[in-house]
C-alpha atoms as a PDB file:
ATOM      1  CA  MET A   1      99.616  64.955 139.554  1.00  0.00           C
ATOM      2  CA  LEU A   2      98.955  67.870 137.226  1.00  0.00           C
ATOM      3  CA  GLN A   3      96.535  70.882 138.578  1.00  0.00           C
ATOM      4  CA  THR A   4      93.772  72.353 136.173  1.00  0.00           C
ATOM      5  CA  ALA A   5      94.247  75.524 137.780  1.00  0.00           C
ATOM      6  CA  ASP A   6      97.558  76.860 136.050  1.00  0.00           C
ATOM      7  CA  LYS A   7      97.038  77.070 132.327  1.00  0.00           C
ATOM      8  CA  SER A   8     100.262  79.109 131.640  1.00  0.00           C
ATOM      9  CA  PRO A   9     102.487  78.077 128.186  1.00  0.00           C
ATOM     10  CA  ALA A  10     105.501  77.530 130.676  1.00  0.00           C
ATOM     11  CA  ARG A  11     103.439  74.641 132.666  1.00  0.00           C
ATOM     12  CA  LEU A  12     102.155  72.977 129.909  1.00  0.00           C
ATOM     13  CA  SER A  13     105.642  73.098 127.910  1.00  0.00           C
ATOM     14  CA  ARG A  14     107.152  71.410 131.069  1.00  0.00           C
ATOM     15  CA  TRP A  15     104.285  68.893 131.177  1.00  0.00           C
ATOM     16  CA  CYS A  16     104.385  67.842 127.694  1.00  0.00           C
ATOM     17  CA  GLU A  17     108.359  67.475 128.445  1.00  0.00           C
ATOM     18  CA  THR A  18     107.763  64.811 131.339  1.00  0.00           C
ATOM     19  CA  ALA A  19     104.986  63.171 129.803  1.00  0.00           C
ATOM     20  CA  ARG A  20     107.163  62.446 126.286  1.00  0.00           C
ATOM     21  CA  TRP A  21     109.612  60.832 128.044  1.00  0.00           C
ATOM     22  CA  ARG A  22     107.594  58.665 130.586  1.00  0.00           C
ATOM     23  CA  HIS A  23     108.084  54.887 129.323  1.00  0.00           C
ATOM     24  CA  ASP A  24     105.101  53.904 131.646  1.00  0.00           C
ATOM     25  CA  SER A  25     101.505  53.850 132.387  1.00  0.00           C
ATOM     26  CA  SER A  26     101.361  56.897 134.849  1.00  0.00           C
ATOM     27  CA  VAL A  27      99.487  58.988 132.952  1.00  0.00           C
ATOM     28  CA  LYS A  28      96.380  59.368 135.186  1.00  0.00           C
ATOM     29  CA  ILE A  29      93.105  61.296 134.540  1.00  0.00           C
ATOM     30  CA  HIS A  30      92.302  62.891 137.803  1.00  0.00           C
ATOM     31  CA  LEU A  31      89.976  65.670 136.733  1.00  0.00           C
ATOM     32  CA  PHE A  32      87.155  63.768 137.637  1.00  0.00           C
ATOM     33  CA  ASP A  33      88.241  62.264 140.723  1.00  0.00           C
ATOM     34  CA  LYS A  34      85.592  64.059 143.213  1.00  0.00           C
ATOM     35  CA  ASP A  35      82.786  63.537 140.155  1.00  0.00           C
ATOM     36  CA  GLN A  36      79.464  62.730 142.622  1.00  0.00           C
ATOM     37  CA  LYS A  37      78.079  60.625 139.585  1.00  0.00           C
ATOM     38  CA  PRO A  38      80.393  57.347 139.413  1.00  0.00           C
ATOM     39  CA  GLU A  39      78.552  53.972 138.306  1.00  0.00           C
ATOM     40  CA  LEU A  40      78.889  50.422 139.933  1.00  0.00           C
ATOM     41  CA  TYR A  41      80.235  47.862 138.490  1.00  0.00           C
ATOM     42  CA  ALA A  42      80.659  44.469 139.493  1.00  0.00           C
ATOM     43  CA  ALA A  43      84.064  42.505 138.649  1.00  0.00           C
ATOM     44  CA  GLY A  44      82.853  40.697 135.446  1.00  0.00           C
ATOM     45  CA  GLN A  45      80.195  42.511 134.290  1.00  0.00           C
ATOM     46  CA  THR A  46      80.545  43.928 130.585  1.00  0.00           C
ATOM     47  CA  VAL A  47      80.753  47.191 130.236  1.00  0.00           C
ATOM     48  CA  PHE A  48      80.643  47.019 126.132  1.00  0.00           C
ATOM     49  CA  ARG A  49      80.728  44.984 123.739  1.00  0.00           C
ATOM     50  CA  GLU A  50      82.909  44.840 120.362  1.00  0.00           C
ATOM     51  CA  GLY A  51      80.816  46.612 117.715  1.00  0.00           C
ATOM     52  CA  GLU A  52      78.705  48.163 119.771  1.00  0.00           C
ATOM     53  CA  ARG A  53      78.430  52.557 119.246  1.00  0.00           C
ATOM     54  CA  GLY A  54      80.513  54.231 121.088  1.00  0.00           C
ATOM     55  CA  ASP A  55      79.288  57.231 122.837  1.00  0.00           C
ATOM     56  CA  HIS A  56      80.652  57.159 126.254  1.00  0.00           C
ATOM     57  CA  LEU A  57      84.239  57.212 127.243  1.00  0.00           C
ATOM     58  CA  PHE A  58      85.127  55.872 131.086  1.00  0.00           C
ATOM     59  CA  VAL A  59      87.357  57.033 133.829  1.00  0.00           C
ATOM     60  CA  VAL A  60      87.656  54.253 136.335  1.00  0.00           C
ATOM     61  CA  THR A  61      87.846  55.767 139.914  1.00  0.00           C
ATOM     62  CA  LYS A  62      88.038  52.654 141.615  1.00  0.00           C
ATOM     63  CA  GLY A  63      89.038  49.189 140.660  1.00  0.00           C
ATOM     64  CA  ALA A  64      90.017  47.837 137.677  1.00  0.00           C
ATOM     65  CA  VAL A  65      88.941  47.138 134.444  1.00  0.00           C
ATOM     66  CA  ASP A  66      90.479  44.509 131.873  1.00  0.00           C
ATOM     67  CA  ILE A  67      90.099  45.545 127.768  1.00  0.00           C
ATOM     68  CA  ILE A  68      89.703  42.576 125.499  1.00  0.00           C
ATOM     69  CA  ILE A  69      90.033  42.318 121.781  1.00  0.00           C
ATOM     70  CA  ASN A  70      90.022  39.179 119.618  1.00  0.00           C
ATOM     71  CA  GLY A  71      89.409  37.346 122.883  1.00  0.00           C
ATOM     72  CA  VAL A  72      92.437  39.088 124.599  1.00  0.00           C
ATOM     73  CA  THR A  73      93.249  40.908 127.460  1.00  0.00           C
ATOM     74  CA  VAL A  74      95.475  43.955 125.582  1.00  0.00           C
ATOM     75  CA  GLU A  75      95.487  46.175 129.014  1.00  0.00           C
ATOM     76  CA  THR A  76      93.936  46.426 132.084  1.00  0.00           C
ATOM     77  CA  VAL A  77      93.117  50.263 133.309  1.00  0.00           C
ATOM     78  CA  GLU A  78      93.223  50.425 136.909  1.00  0.00           C
ATOM     79  CA  GLU A  79      92.644  54.350 139.580  1.00  0.00           C
ATOM     80  CA  GLY A  80      92.834  57.190 137.205  1.00  0.00           C
ATOM     81  CA  GLY A  81      92.434  55.885 133.721  1.00  0.00           C
ATOM     82  CA  VAL A  82      90.148  56.299 131.292  1.00  0.00           C
ATOM     83  CA  PHE A  83      89.165  53.200 128.486  1.00  0.00           C
ATOM     84  CA  GLY A  84      86.568  54.102 124.964  1.00  0.00           C
ATOM     85  CA  GLU A  85      87.410  56.938 124.053  1.00  0.00           C
ATOM     86  CA  MET A  86      88.698  56.013 120.641  1.00  0.00           C
ATOM     87  CA  ALA A  87      84.856  55.829 119.886  1.00  0.00           C
ATOM     88  CA  LEU A  88      84.495  59.518 121.031  1.00  0.00           C
ATOM     89  CA  VAL A  89      87.666  60.308 118.653  1.00  0.00           C
ATOM     90  CA  GLU A  90      86.858  58.516 115.662  1.00  0.00           C
ATOM     91  CA  ASP A  91      83.105  58.173 115.876  1.00  0.00           C
ATOM     92  CA  ARG A  92      83.426  54.387 114.644  1.00  0.00           C
ATOM     93  CA  PRO A  93      81.542  51.611 116.909  1.00  0.00           C
ATOM     94  CA  ARG A  94      83.826  50.106 119.404  1.00  0.00           C
ATOM     95  CA  LEU A  95      86.687  48.279 118.408  1.00  0.00           C
ATOM     96  CA  GLY A  96      86.847  45.981 122.284  1.00  0.00           C
ATOM     97  CA  ALA A  97      85.057  45.025 125.127  1.00  0.00           C
ATOM     98  CA  ALA A  98      85.645  45.980 128.306  1.00  0.00           C
ATOM     99  CA  VAL A  99      84.798  43.834 131.294  1.00  0.00           C
ATOM    100  CA  VAL A 100      84.952  44.321 135.096  1.00  0.00           C
ATOM    101  CA  ARG A 101      88.059  42.499 136.341  1.00  0.00           C
ATOM    102  CA  SER A 102      87.386  44.330 140.080  1.00  0.00           C
ATOM    103  CA  ASP A 103      84.087  46.363 141.755  1.00  0.00           C
ATOM    104  CA  ALA A 104      85.007  49.441 139.972  1.00  0.00           C
ATOM    105  CA  GLU A 105      83.239  52.555 139.580  1.00  0.00           C
ATOM    106  CA  LEU A 106      83.464  54.189 136.613  1.00  0.00           C
ATOM    107  CA  ILE A 107      82.725  58.054 135.405  1.00  0.00           C
ATOM    108  CA  ARG A 108      81.010  57.946 132.213  1.00  0.00           C
ATOM    109  CA  VAL A 109      81.173  60.568 129.540  1.00  0.00           C
ATOM    110  CA  ASP A 110      79.450  61.365 127.079  1.00  0.00           C
ATOM    111  CA  ARG A 111      80.197  63.349 123.930  1.00  0.00           C
ATOM    112  CA  LYS A 112      78.845  66.825 125.191  1.00  0.00           C
ATOM    113  CA  ARG A 113      80.703  66.965 128.318  1.00  0.00           C
ATOM    114  CA  PHE A 114      84.123  65.323 126.309  1.00  0.00           C
ATOM    115  CA  LEU A 115      84.022  67.844 123.585  1.00  0.00           C
ATOM    116  CA  PHE A 116      83.476  70.879 126.122  1.00  0.00           C
ATOM    117  CA  LEU A 117      86.618  69.076 128.583  1.00  0.00           C
ATOM    118  CA  VAL A 118      88.738  69.028 124.905  1.00  0.00           C
ATOM    119  CA  GLN A 119      87.672  73.087 124.410  1.00  0.00           C
ATOM    120  CA  GLN A 120      87.842  74.059 128.013  1.00  0.00           C
ATOM    121  CA  THR A 121      90.292  72.079 129.015  1.00  0.00           C
ATOM    122  CA  PRO A 122      93.672  71.935 127.612  1.00  0.00           C
ATOM    123  CA  PHE A 123      95.052  69.558 130.132  1.00  0.00           C
ATOM    124  CA  PHE A 124      92.522  67.258 129.331  1.00  0.00           C
ATOM    125  CA  SER A 125      92.799  66.783 126.258  1.00  0.00           C
ATOM    126  CA  LEU A 126      97.059  66.634 126.490  1.00  0.00           C
ATOM    127  CA  GLN A 127      96.563  63.636 129.100  1.00  0.00           C
ATOM    128  CA  LEU A 128      94.257  62.066 127.619  1.00  0.00           C
ATOM    129  CA  MET A 129      96.582  62.097 124.148  1.00  0.00           C
ATOM    130  CA  ALA A 130      99.838  61.150 126.526  1.00  0.00           C
ATOM    131  CA  ILE A 131      97.768  57.567 127.683  1.00  0.00           C
ATOM    132  CA  MET A 132      96.627  57.347 124.183  1.00  0.00           C
ATOM    133  CA  SER A 133     100.311  57.601 122.756  1.00  0.00           C
ATOM    134  CA  GLU A 134     101.852  55.049 125.994  1.00  0.00           C
ATOM    135  CA  ARG A 135      99.065  52.580 124.640  1.00  0.00           C
ATOM    136  CA  LEU A 136      99.972  52.154 121.090  1.00  0.00           C
ATOM    137  CA  ARG A 137     103.398  51.897 122.076  1.00  0.00           C
ATOM    138  CA  ARG A 138     103.129  49.600 124.687  1.00  0.00           C
ATOM    139  CA  MET A 139     101.453  47.349 121.856  1.00  0.00           C
ATOM    140  CA  ASN A 140     104.363  47.898 119.379  1.00  0.00           C
ATOM    141  CA  ALA A 141     106.661  46.744 122.108  1.00  0.00           C
ATOM    142  CA  ARG A 142     104.897  43.944 122.118  1.00  0.00           C
ATOM    143  CA  LEU A 143     104.859  43.112 118.455  1.00  0.00           C
END
């Protein structure tokens, strides 16, 4: 996957072109793969509920998590995926619930770390935007 060490404009442009035409859910964030503080969640455990205050996003390093809106599973986030980012971006309550589908290891990213990553790691921001864009396209295709 994309490495954050090469921050050249040419590399950034190539990545944007690749992400722009990708129609599957292959954009994954691997920035947290070696994080030393994953939280362990058992299958069936609720990570957060709809309407709760969102002060963290989560990165899945192992396992899978279902995103549920109005009682319907709208997405399953797997290894390298993120969820809960909308609450940080919008500073609004959670739109849906997150329930662990299979035993998972999650990295919790608070607002301070999120803002640091957005400011200091442009590729993180681009990857996050690509993931959000993919989700929107998948939702639109279902309508």
